[in-house]
Protein backbone atom coordinates (compact mmCIF):
# COMPACT_ATOMS: atom_id res chain seq x y z
CA MET A 1 -28.25 -21.58 9.06
CA THR A 2 -31.44 -20.04 10.88
CA ASP A 3 -31.86 -17.02 13.32
CA ALA A 4 -32.37 -18.77 16.35
CA ALA A 5 -29.56 -21.47 15.88
CA THR A 6 -26.72 -18.63 15.20
CA PRO A 7 -24.17 -18.80 18.27
CA LEU A 8 -23.28 -15.32 19.67
CA SER A 9 -19.45 -16.61 18.70
CA GLN A 10 -20.71 -16.12 14.85
CA THR A 11 -22.52 -13.02 15.48
CA ILE A 12 -19.94 -11.32 17.14
CA LEU A 13 -17.72 -12.62 13.67
CA ARG A 14 -20.24 -11.33 11.68
CA GLY A 15 -20.32 -8.25 13.68
CA LEU A 16 -16.77 -7.61 13.36
CA ALA A 17 -16.69 -8.00 9.56
CA CYS A 18 -19.25 -5.66 9.18
CA LYS A 19 -21.39 -8.01 7.22
CA CYS A 20 -25.06 -8.76 7.61
CA PRO A 21 -26.32 -10.35 11.14
CA ARG A 22 -28.57 -12.60 9.60
CA CYS A 23 -26.92 -13.97 6.40
CA GLY A 24 -23.26 -13.22 7.45
CA GLN A 25 -22.21 -12.25 3.59
CA GLY A 26 -24.62 -9.55 2.40
CA LYS A 27 -22.47 -5.73 2.92
CA LEU A 28 -23.60 -3.66 6.19
CA PHE A 29 -22.55 -0.48 5.04
CA ALA A 30 -23.00 1.63 1.76
CA GLY A 31 -20.60 4.07 3.05
CA PHE A 32 -17.95 4.66 6.47
CA LEU A 33 -21.12 4.40 8.74
CA THR A 34 -23.61 4.45 6.44
CA LEU A 35 -26.00 1.33 6.32
CA ALA A 36 -27.22 0.00 3.35
CA PRO A 37 -30.91 -0.59 3.24
CA ALA A 38 -31.11 -3.67 3.14
CA CYS A 39 -29.06 -7.63 2.58
CA ALA A 40 -28.05 -7.67 -0.84
CA ARG A 41 -27.69 -11.78 -0.03
CA CYS A 42 -30.56 -12.75 1.81
CA GLY A 43 -32.51 -9.38 2.20
CA LEU A 44 -33.19 -8.49 5.65
CA ASP A 45 -34.60 -4.82 6.06
CA TYR A 46 -31.61 -3.07 7.92
CA ALA A 47 -35.04 -0.85 9.18
CA PHE A 48 -34.45 -2.26 12.34
CA ILE A 49 -31.00 -0.70 13.82
CA ASP A 50 -31.16 1.72 16.21
CA SER A 51 -26.71 1.88 17.00
CA ASP A 52 -27.11 5.85 17.56
CA ASP A 53 -23.69 6.73 19.31
CA GLY A 54 -23.04 3.76 21.45
CA PRO A 55 -20.54 2.32 19.64
CA ALA A 56 -18.98 6.37 19.50
CA ILE A 57 -19.29 6.59 23.34
CA PHE A 58 -17.09 3.15 23.36
CA ILE A 59 -14.48 4.25 21.57
CA ILE A 60 -14.37 8.24 22.93
CA MET A 61 -14.27 6.51 25.95
CA ILE A 62 -11.41 4.22 25.26
CA ALA A 63 -9.19 5.99 22.58
CA GLY A 64 -9.19 8.75 25.60
CA ALA A 65 -7.63 6.34 28.22
CA ILE A 66 -5.24 5.58 25.72
CA VAL A 67 -4.50 8.59 24.65
CA VAL A 68 -4.24 10.59 27.96
CA PHE A 69 -2.67 8.18 29.51
CA THR A 70 0.43 7.85 26.98
CA ALA A 71 0.61 11.81 26.38
CA LEU A 72 1.22 12.13 30.08
CA ILE A 73 3.56 9.36 29.70
CA ILE A 74 5.85 11.33 27.23
CA GLU A 75 4.99 14.61 28.82
CA VAL A 76 6.62 13.75 32.06
CA LYS A 77 9.17 11.62 30.89
CA TYR A 78 10.53 13.64 27.80
CA GLN A 79 8.80 17.17 28.02
CA PRO A 80 8.50 17.75 24.35
CA PRO A 81 7.64 20.85 22.98
CA PHE A 82 4.00 21.50 22.43
CA TRP A 83 4.55 21.30 18.87
CA VAL A 84 5.79 17.14 19.29
CA HIS A 85 2.78 17.21 21.07
CA ALA A 86 -0.24 18.02 18.28
CA ALA A 87 2.51 16.11 15.48
CA LEU A 88 2.46 12.79 18.32
CA TRP A 89 -1.53 13.21 19.39
CA ILE A 90 -3.51 14.60 16.33
CA PRO A 91 -2.66 11.25 14.16
CA LEU A 92 -3.02 9.34 17.19
CA ILE A 93 -6.45 10.50 17.96
CA LEU A 94 -7.64 10.38 14.51
CA ALA A 95 -6.50 6.48 14.57
CA VAL A 96 -7.88 5.18 17.72
CA THR A 97 -11.59 6.46 17.11
CA LEU A 98 -12.10 6.58 13.28
CA TRP A 99 -10.31 2.99 12.71
CA PRO A 100 -12.05 0.83 14.80
CA LEU A 101 -15.19 2.63 14.92
CA ARG A 102 -16.85 0.97 11.73
CA ALA A 103 -16.92 -2.48 13.29
CA ALA A 104 -17.45 -1.20 16.77
CA LYS A 105 -20.95 -0.13 15.15
CA SER A 106 -21.42 -3.08 12.82
CA LEU A 107 -20.96 -5.26 16.37
CA LEU A 108 -23.53 -3.30 18.26
CA ILE A 109 -25.87 -4.11 15.35
CA ALA A 110 -25.05 -7.87 15.15
CA LEU A 111 -25.50 -8.35 18.49
CA GLN A 112 -29.12 -5.92 18.64
CA PHE A 113 -29.83 -8.61 16.23
CA HIS A 114 -28.85 -11.93 17.83
CA HIS A 115 -30.57 -10.57 21.08
CA LYS A 116 -33.83 -9.13 19.21
CA ALA A 117 -33.46 -5.57 21.14
CA ALA A 118 -36.22 -3.33 20.55
CA GLU A 119 -37.39 -0.28 22.04
CA GLY A 120 -39.55 -0.85 24.94
CA ARG A 121 -43.15 -1.19 25.03
CA LEU A 122 -45.64 -0.80 27.45
CA ILE A 123 -47.89 -3.58 27.95
CA ASP A 124 -51.31 -2.95 28.01
CA ARG A 125 -53.01 -4.46 30.84
CA ALA A 126 -56.84 -5.38 30.85
CA PRO A 127 -58.40 -4.23 34.32
CA LYS A 128 -58.97 -6.68 36.74
């Protein structure tokens, strides 16, 4: 399938599966969050990828809301000692931040490829 003919739904599925945004078969990552230099299947060079901290910000905001809301409910309802809070929330924070981070980064990369997103460029206009 060509780049222009790839529907958005398929791009999203490729992103969530952490696969190459063009062919959907090659691996996107060489490590946990380390990108491969290129797709092993179709040869797409991953040099265009610039996801930066975007996925981490989304995950932090969502995870923060979940953990704070749940911690407040538990505190108001049961008033457990502080060690219980530490035992509950540290693993929950790690789970809700690290588990979806790889898929969120891959999804953002796939959407960047689908929409041909790039750095802004100034247009050099000739004087009239």
